[in-house]
Amino acid sequence: MPTPPPIPITIDAGPAVHQHAGLSRYATRLIEYLRREQRDRADLTLFYNAHSGHILPPGLRAIPARTLDQGQYRWRLGAFAGQKLGLPRYGRAILGGEPRGLYHATEHLLPRLPVPTLLTVHDLIFERYPEHHTRTNRAFLRQAMPAFVRAASHVIAVSEQTRRDLMELYKTPPEKITVIYEGIDAGFAPAPADEVARVRAAYSPDRPYLLMVGTLEPRKNHLTAVRGLARLKAAGYPHRLLVVGGKGWLFDEIQARIGALNLEDDVRFTGYVPDADLPPLYSGAAAVLLPSLYEGFGFPVLEAMACGAPVACSNASSLPEVAGDAALLVPPTDDEALAAAVGRLLDDGELAAGLVAAGKRQAARFTWSRCAAETAALYELVNRER
C-alpha cells in the first residue's frame, strides 16, 4: 500500500512570535520537532499575526508562512466574533486559496475556519483563580474560551488536570480531548562545574541559593515562598532566594511582603536570564521551589529535575502528575510546610540524592519528540474523521 501524503497543517505560530514564557516554548518546539521528525505526516504552513513588527524566531523562518497584520485586540475580538456569528472572516488570510488540511491553534485563540481545527488548551486558570488575571483578560477569556472549545474539532490538553477542568467546567466530552504532554529542551541537563561557578558568581556569589523560575504573577505564589524563606532564615539557613522571570502583575504586593519580613537582601529578582544561564542556575541550586496555586503543566519542575536539582513543589493542579514521586509535595499556601520540606532537602543528603536520581528518570519521560509524534498521530485521526 502506498504511503499517504503528509497532511497539510496550518499551525498557529503566534505564541512563538509574541510570547516569552511557556506558550512560546510550546509553539516553537512543537513546530521545530514536527518539521524535523514528522515531515512525512505533517506538511506545515505557519500562520501568525504580524502586528507591532514582531517576527518569527530564527529556527522557524525556513517554513512557509502566512501573516495577518492586525492589532492584538482587534485580532482577538475578531476571532471571537467570528465564532459567535458563524463567520469565517479570516479563512483566506490563514489558509490561503482553497481550504485544505487542518488548522492547529497552539494558544487560546481559535478563529472560525472552513477546515477541521485543533485547539491546545494549556490551562483554565482564569476560571479556577479569576482574581489572578487582569479584569480585561478574564472577561475576554470567560466569554471566548467556551466558544473556542465548542468550535474545535478536537482539543489537546497539556495535562490530565487541564482535561479534568475542561470536562468539569465546560462539559467537554472526554472523547473530544487528548492529553499530550509537553517536553523539556535537551539543553536541560546537569551543568559542568565551571558553568555552575560562573552563574553563581554572577547571581549569588556570597551565599548558597534556592531558585524559583516563572513569571511574577499571583498564581505562582511567590508570597508563600517568601514567607517560607523567612522561616528558613529564622532557623539559621543562609540561603538566598533567586527569582528568575519577567514581571507579571501585582508585583508590588510581593515587594511589600519582602520589606515587611526584612528580606531585602535575601530575595533577588533577576528578570529574564540568558538561555545559557538557566541550566547551570538549576544545577547550582540547593533546591528549586514551585509552590504554585495552579499550573497547567509546570516546566520548571521537570527542568530542575533534568538538571539534577532537588525539587519542592505544590501538591495542587497538574504538579503531582508532572513531578511523580521525584519531589517533595506541600500544600501551596502552607509556608511552614514548604520551609520544612526545603529544610529536609538541605539537611538530608540521602533524601536529596534519591530525589535527584528519581527526578532525572521522571524528566526523561517528557520529550518534544514524543509530543510531536503524538500530535502528528492526532492530526491523522482528526483528518480521517473529517
Protein backbone atom coordinates (compact mmCIF):
# COMPACT_ATOMS: atom_id res chain seq x y z
CA MET A 1 0.00 0.00 0.00
CA PRO A 2 1.47 3.39 -0.95
CA THR A 3 2.36 5.75 1.86
CA PRO A 4 -0.25 8.52 2.16
CA PRO A 5 1.00 12.05 1.55
CA PRO A 6 1.55 14.30 4.57
CA ILE A 7 -1.49 16.19 5.78
CA PRO A 8 -1.43 19.95 5.12
CA ILE A 9 -1.33 21.58 8.55
CA THR A 10 -1.66 25.30 9.13
CA ILE A 11 -0.31 25.87 12.63
CA ASP A 12 -0.54 28.99 14.75
CA ALA A 13 2.97 30.31 15.34
CA GLY A 14 1.71 33.40 17.14
CA PRO A 15 3.00 32.41 20.59
CA ALA A 16 6.47 31.86 19.14
CA VAL A 17 6.37 35.44 17.85
CA HIS A 18 4.71 37.34 20.69
CA GLN A 19 5.30 35.40 23.92
CA HIS A 20 8.33 34.76 26.12
CA ALA A 21 7.29 32.01 28.51
CA GLY A 22 5.64 28.59 28.30
CA LEU A 23 3.31 29.31 25.39
CA SER A 24 6.21 30.46 23.25
CA ARG A 25 8.23 27.39 24.05
CA TYR A 26 5.33 25.08 23.26
CA ALA A 27 4.63 26.59 19.84
CA THR A 28 8.30 26.90 18.90
CA ARG A 29 9.39 23.42 19.94
CA LEU A 30 6.31 21.66 18.61
CA ILE A 31 6.78 23.28 15.20
CA GLU A 32 10.51 22.52 15.17
CA TYR A 33 10.04 18.86 16.03
CA LEU A 34 7.10 18.36 13.69
CA ARG A 35 9.23 19.80 10.90
CA ARG A 36 12.31 17.79 11.84
CA GLU A 37 10.80 14.42 12.74
CA GLN A 38 7.24 14.24 11.35
CA ARG A 39 7.56 15.72 7.85
CA ASP A 40 6.17 12.55 6.29
CA ARG A 41 2.96 13.03 8.31
CA ALA A 42 2.51 16.80 8.57
CA ASP A 43 3.19 19.39 5.84
CA LEU A 44 3.43 22.61 7.84
CA THR A 45 2.50 26.16 6.95
CA LEU A 46 2.80 28.72 9.73
CA PHE A 47 0.33 31.47 10.49
CA TYR A 48 0.77 34.43 12.81
CA ASN A 49 -0.47 37.95 13.40
CA ALA A 50 2.49 40.15 12.48
CA HIS A 51 1.41 43.27 14.36
CA SER A 52 3.95 45.53 16.07
CA GLY A 53 6.79 44.36 13.85
CA HIS A 54 7.23 41.00 15.57
CA ILE A 55 8.98 38.31 13.54
CA LEU A 56 9.45 34.56 13.74
CA PRO A 57 12.37 33.17 15.73
CA PRO A 58 15.28 32.12 13.50
CA GLY A 59 14.59 28.40 13.74
CA LEU A 60 11.15 28.77 12.13
CA ARG A 61 11.90 31.17 9.30
CA ALA A 62 12.56 28.49 6.68
CA ILE A 63 8.97 27.21 6.98
CA PRO A 64 6.33 28.71 4.64
CA ALA A 65 4.20 31.23 6.49
CA ARG A 66 1.14 33.42 6.09
CA THR A 67 0.56 36.52 8.16
CA LEU A 68 -2.15 38.89 9.21
CA ASP A 69 -1.33 42.44 10.27
CA GLN A 70 -3.89 43.44 12.88
CA GLY A 71 -3.62 44.88 16.34
CA GLN A 72 -3.66 42.32 19.12
CA TYR A 73 -7.07 43.25 20.49
CA ARG A 74 -8.71 43.56 17.09
CA TRP A 75 -7.44 40.10 16.17
CA ARG A 76 -8.64 38.51 19.41
CA LEU A 77 -12.06 40.15 19.24
CA GLY A 78 -12.36 39.36 15.54
CA ALA A 79 -11.68 35.67 16.12
CA PHE A 80 -14.24 35.56 18.93
CA ALA A 81 -16.85 37.45 16.91
CA GLY A 82 -16.34 35.07 14.00
CA GLN A 83 -17.15 32.11 16.24
CA LYS A 84 -20.18 33.75 17.81
CA LEU A 85 -21.61 34.91 14.47
CA GLY A 86 -20.59 31.91 12.41
CA LEU A 87 -18.45 33.95 10.02
CA PRO A 88 -15.13 32.50 8.76
CA ARG A 89 -13.78 36.01 8.24
CA TYR A 90 -10.08 35.09 8.36
CA GLY A 91 -10.20 31.98 6.18
CA ARG A 92 -8.29 33.32 3.18
CA ALA A 93 -5.64 35.09 5.26
CA ILE A 94 -4.97 31.97 7.32
CA LEU A 95 -5.47 29.17 4.81
CA GLY A 96 -4.54 30.86 1.53
CA GLY A 97 -6.52 29.84 -1.56
CA GLU A 98 -8.56 26.65 -1.46
CA PRO A 99 -9.15 25.46 2.11
CA ARG A 100 -7.46 22.13 2.79
CA GLY A 101 -5.94 20.14 5.60
CA LEU A 102 -6.28 21.09 9.25
CA TYR A 103 -5.67 24.14 11.43
CA HIS A 104 -3.96 23.87 14.83
CA ALA A 105 -4.40 26.73 17.31
CA THR A 106 -1.50 26.50 19.76
CA GLU A 107 -2.88 29.08 22.19
CA HIS A 108 -6.31 30.10 23.44
CA LEU A 109 -7.47 31.76 20.22
CA LEU A 110 -9.39 29.88 17.53
CA PRO A 111 -10.86 31.72 14.52
CA ARG A 112 -13.76 30.17 12.65
CA LEU A 113 -12.44 28.30 9.61
CA PRO A 114 -13.83 26.01 6.89
CA VAL A 115 -11.49 23.13 7.83
CA PRO A 116 -11.25 20.83 10.87
CA THR A 117 -9.48 22.52 13.76
CA LEU A 118 -7.45 21.50 16.80
CA LEU A 119 -7.11 23.70 19.87
CA THR A 120 -4.41 23.29 22.51
CA VAL A 121 -5.68 24.29 25.95
CA HIS A 122 -2.86 24.96 28.38
CA ASP A 123 -4.95 25.74 31.45
CA LEU A 124 -8.17 27.26 32.69
CA ILE A 125 -6.55 29.34 35.40
CA PHE A 126 -8.85 32.27 34.70
CA GLU A 127 -11.77 30.03 35.72
CA ARG A 128 -10.15 28.45 38.78
CA TYR A 129 -8.44 31.61 40.06
CA PRO A 130 -10.16 34.57 38.36
CA GLU A 131 -8.65 37.03 40.83
CA HIS A 132 -5.22 36.18 39.44
CA HIS A 133 -5.99 37.52 35.97
CA THR A 134 -6.40 41.08 34.86
CA ARG A 135 -10.03 42.12 34.59
CA THR A 136 -9.88 42.65 30.83
CA ASN A 137 -8.20 39.33 30.08
CA ARG A 138 -10.52 37.47 32.43
CA ALA A 139 -13.62 38.97 30.85
CA PHE A 140 -12.48 38.07 27.34
CA LEU A 141 -11.43 34.51 28.15
CA ARG A 142 -14.57 33.70 30.10
CA GLN A 143 -16.64 34.64 27.07
CA ALA A 144 -14.36 33.36 24.34
CA MET A 145 -12.85 30.11 25.63
CA PRO A 146 -16.10 28.14 25.89
CA ALA A 147 -16.88 29.17 22.30
CA PHE A 148 -13.40 28.18 21.09
CA VAL A 149 -13.55 24.80 22.84
CA ARG A 150 -17.00 24.03 21.44
CA ALA A 151 -15.94 25.04 17.93
CA ALA A 152 -12.76 22.94 17.85
CA SER A 153 -12.95 19.57 16.14
CA HIS A 154 -10.62 18.21 18.81
CA VAL A 155 -8.90 19.61 21.90
CA ILE A 156 -5.36 18.91 23.09
CA ALA A 157 -4.91 19.23 26.86
CA VAL A 158 -1.35 19.53 28.14
CA SER A 159 -2.14 17.62 31.34
CA GLU A 160 -4.78 15.42 32.92
CA GLN A 161 -5.56 18.37 35.19
CA THR A 162 -6.48 20.51 32.18
CA ARG A 163 -8.52 17.64 30.75
CA ARG A 164 -10.47 17.35 34.02
CA ASP A 165 -11.06 21.10 34.07
CA LEU A 166 -12.42 21.05 30.51
CA MET A 167 -14.80 18.23 31.35
CA GLU A 168 -15.95 19.79 34.62
CA LEU A 169 -16.18 23.46 33.70
CA TYR A 170 -17.17 23.28 30.03
CA LYS A 171 -18.76 19.83 29.92
CA THR A 172 -16.44 18.91 27.06
CA PRO A 173 -16.98 15.27 26.04
CA PRO A 174 -13.98 13.17 27.12
CA GLU A 175 -13.66 11.65 23.66
CA LYS A 176 -13.05 15.14 22.26
CA ILE A 177 -9.94 15.65 24.44
CA THR A 178 -6.50 14.09 24.08
CA VAL A 179 -3.77 14.67 26.67
CA ILE A 180 -0.39 15.29 25.05
CA TYR A 181 2.32 16.28 27.49
CA GLU A 182 4.81 18.96 26.56
CA GLY A 183 8.53 18.30 26.56
CA ILE A 184 11.62 19.87 28.02
CA ASP A 185 14.52 21.12 25.96
CA ALA A 186 17.52 18.85 25.50
CA GLY A 187 19.76 21.59 26.90
CA PHE A 188 18.40 21.00 30.39
CA ALA A 189 20.97 18.62 31.86
CA PRO A 190 23.44 18.74 34.75
CA ALA A 191 25.79 21.63 34.00
CA PRO A 192 29.59 21.41 34.21
CA ALA A 193 31.15 22.70 37.43
CA ASP A 194 32.72 25.69 35.71
CA GLU A 195 29.32 26.80 34.37
CA VAL A 196 27.74 26.42 37.79
CA ALA A 197 30.56 28.52 39.26
CA ARG A 198 30.10 31.14 36.55
CA VAL A 199 26.40 31.73 37.23
CA ARG A 200 26.88 31.57 40.99
CA ALA A 201 29.45 34.35 40.71
CA ALA A 202 27.02 36.38 38.62
CA TYR A 203 23.82 35.90 40.61
CA SER A 204 24.68 34.90 44.20
CA PRO A 205 28.44 34.99 44.78
CA ASP A 206 28.34 35.19 48.56
CA ARG A 207 25.65 32.67 49.55
CA PRO A 208 24.04 29.39 48.50
CA TYR A 209 20.67 29.87 46.86
CA LEU A 210 17.20 28.48 46.37
CA LEU A 211 15.61 29.02 42.97
CA MET A 212 12.18 29.89 41.61
CA VAL A 213 11.58 30.18 37.86
CA GLY A 214 8.44 31.71 36.35
CA THR A 215 6.62 34.92 35.58
CA LEU A 216 5.97 37.08 38.63
CA GLU A 217 2.22 36.72 38.92
CA PRO A 218 -0.09 35.77 41.80
CA ARG A 219 -0.76 32.15 40.83
CA LYS A 220 2.97 31.37 41.05
CA ASN A 221 2.57 32.04 44.76
CA HIS A 222 5.82 33.85 45.43
CA LEU A 223 4.31 35.10 48.69
CA THR A 224 4.35 31.61 50.19
CA ALA A 225 7.94 31.14 49.03
CA VAL A 226 8.94 34.44 50.65
CA ARG A 227 7.26 33.53 53.93
CA GLY A 228 8.91 30.11 53.80
CA LEU A 229 12.27 31.78 53.27
CA ALA A 230 11.68 33.91 56.36
CA ARG A 231 11.16 30.73 58.38
CA LEU A 232 14.34 29.20 56.99
CA LYS A 233 16.29 32.37 57.78
CA ALA A 234 14.97 32.36 61.34
CA ALA A 235 16.14 28.74 61.65
CA GLY A 236 19.66 29.76 60.66
CA TYR A 237 19.80 28.78 56.99
CA PRO A 238 21.92 31.25 54.98
CA HIS A 239 20.28 30.71 51.59
CA ARG A 240 19.16 33.47 49.27
CA LEU A 241 16.07 33.09 47.06
CA LEU A 242 16.74 33.80 43.39
CA VAL A 243 13.59 34.54 41.39
CA VAL A 244 14.00 34.22 37.62
CA GLY A 245 11.28 35.53 35.31
CA GLY A 246 9.58 38.61 33.97
CA LYS A 247 7.25 40.82 35.96
CA GLY A 248 3.58 40.00 35.53
CA TRP A 249 1.13 41.86 37.74
CA LEU A 250 0.59 42.59 41.45
CA PHE A 251 4.36 42.65 41.84
CA ASP A 252 4.18 45.46 44.40
CA GLU A 253 2.48 43.15 46.91
CA ILE A 254 5.44 40.76 46.76
CA GLN A 255 7.89 43.61 47.28
CA ALA A 256 5.91 44.91 50.23
CA ARG A 257 5.94 41.50 51.89
CA ILE A 258 9.68 41.18 51.38
CA GLY A 259 10.16 44.53 53.08
CA ALA A 260 7.86 43.65 55.95
CA LEU A 261 9.85 40.48 56.61
CA ASN A 262 13.22 42.26 56.32
CA LEU A 263 14.27 40.06 53.42
CA GLU A 264 15.51 42.75 51.03
CA ASP A 265 18.99 41.22 51.00
CA ASP A 266 17.66 37.66 50.88
CA VAL A 267 15.48 37.76 47.75
CA ARG A 268 16.92 38.70 44.38
CA PHE A 269 14.82 39.21 41.26
CA THR A 270 16.92 38.56 38.17
CA GLY A 271 14.31 39.22 35.48
CA TYR A 272 14.73 37.10 32.39
CA VAL A 273 18.15 35.47 32.16
CA PRO A 274 20.02 34.28 29.05
CA ASP A 275 19.02 30.78 27.98
CA ALA A 276 22.59 29.61 28.57
CA ASP A 277 22.37 30.60 32.25
CA LEU A 278 19.26 28.64 33.15
CA PRO A 279 20.62 25.04 33.22
CA PRO A 280 23.61 25.97 35.44
CA LEU A 281 21.32 28.04 37.67
CA TYR A 282 19.16 24.95 38.18
CA SER A 283 22.21 22.72 38.65
CA GLY A 284 23.71 25.01 41.28
CA ALA A 285 20.53 25.48 43.31
CA ALA A 286 20.34 23.90 46.74
CA ALA A 287 16.66 23.35 45.95
CA VAL A 288 14.13 24.52 43.38
CA LEU A 289 10.73 25.72 44.60
CA LEU A 290 7.41 25.84 42.75
CA PRO A 291 4.61 26.43 45.26
CA SER A 292 2.13 27.43 42.54
CA LEU A 293 -1.57 27.59 43.23
CA TYR A 294 -2.22 26.28 39.72
CA GLU A 295 -0.14 25.10 36.79
CA GLY A 296 -1.41 23.72 33.51
CA PHE A 297 1.88 21.85 33.14
CA GLY A 298 4.84 23.14 35.19
CA PHE A 299 8.02 23.32 33.11
CA PRO A 300 10.34 24.39 35.97
CA VAL A 301 9.75 21.16 37.90
CA LEU A 302 10.98 19.00 35.02
CA GLU A 303 13.75 21.39 34.00
CA ALA A 304 15.11 21.35 37.55
CA MET A 305 14.93 17.57 37.69
CA ALA A 306 16.72 17.22 34.36
CA CYS A 307 19.49 19.48 35.68
CA GLY A 308 19.95 17.44 38.85
CA ALA A 309 18.32 19.77 41.38
CA PRO A 310 16.04 18.56 44.20
CA VAL A 311 12.51 19.98 44.00
CA ALA A 312 9.85 21.06 46.48
CA CYS A 313 6.58 21.93 44.79
CA SER A 314 2.89 22.32 45.49
CA ASN A 315 0.50 19.39 45.55
CA ALA A 316 -2.09 21.32 43.53
CA SER A 317 -3.32 21.11 39.92
CA SER A 318 -1.01 19.34 37.44
CA LEU A 319 2.13 19.37 39.58
CA PRO A 320 1.67 15.95 41.23
CA GLU A 321 1.28 14.24 37.84
CA VAL A 322 4.30 16.07 36.41
CA ALA A 323 6.51 15.59 39.48
CA GLY A 324 5.53 11.98 40.12
CA ASP A 325 7.42 10.55 43.10
CA ALA A 326 10.50 12.67 42.43
CA ALA A 327 9.71 15.79 44.51
CA LEU A 328 8.53 16.79 47.96
CA LEU A 329 4.92 17.98 47.66
CA VAL A 330 3.34 20.51 50.03
CA PRO A 331 0.04 22.41 50.20
CA PRO A 332 0.54 25.56 48.14
CA THR A 333 -0.36 28.11 50.82
CA ASP A 334 1.39 26.40 53.74
CA ASP A 335 4.66 28.28 54.16
CA GLU A 336 5.53 26.25 57.26
CA ALA A 337 5.26 23.00 55.27
CA LEU A 338 7.30 24.49 52.43
CA ALA A 339 10.05 25.59 54.81
CA ALA A 340 10.06 22.15 56.43
CA ALA A 341 10.33 20.42 53.04
CA VAL A 342 13.19 22.65 51.93
CA GLY A 343 14.90 22.11 55.27
CA ARG A 344 14.72 18.35 54.72
CA LEU A 345 16.30 18.71 51.29
CA LEU A 346 19.10 20.84 52.74
CA ASP A 347 19.75 18.62 55.76
CA ASP A 348 19.23 15.10 54.42
CA GLY A 349 21.76 14.39 51.69
CA GLU A 350 20.49 10.85 51.15
CA LEU A 351 16.93 12.08 50.62
CA ALA A 352 18.05 14.80 48.23
CA ALA A 353 20.23 12.39 46.24
CA GLY A 354 17.38 9.91 45.92
CA LEU A 355 15.02 12.58 44.65
CA VAL A 356 17.63 13.86 42.20
CA ALA A 357 18.04 10.36 40.74
CA ALA A 358 14.28 9.87 40.53
CA GLY A 359 13.92 13.33 39.02
CA LYS A 360 16.26 12.56 36.15
CA ARG A 361 14.19 9.47 35.32
CA GLN A 362 10.95 11.44 35.55
CA ALA A 363 12.19 14.28 33.35
CA ALA A 364 13.36 11.83 30.68
CA ARG A 365 9.72 10.85 30.08
CA PHE A 366 8.83 14.31 28.75
CA THR A 367 10.37 14.95 25.33
CA TRP A 368 9.44 17.14 22.40
CA SER A 369 9.96 14.16 20.10
CA ARG A 370 7.18 12.34 21.90
CA CYS A 371 4.97 15.44 21.92
CA ALA A 372 5.41 15.92 18.16
CA ALA A 373 4.81 12.24 17.36
CA GLU A 374 1.61 12.13 19.42
CA THR A 375 0.42 15.40 17.88
CA ALA A 376 1.05 14.10 14.34
CA ALA A 377 -0.88 10.93 15.18
CA LEU A 378 -3.79 13.08 16.36
CA TYR A 379 -3.68 15.07 13.11
CA GLU A 380 -4.11 11.78 11.25
CA LEU A 381 -7.03 10.77 13.46
CA VAL A 382 -8.85 14.09 13.02
CA ASN A 383 -8.18 14.05 9.29
CA ARG A 384 -9.68 10.55 8.98
CA GLU A 385 -12.80 11.64 10.86
CA ARG A 386 -13.44 14.80 8.84
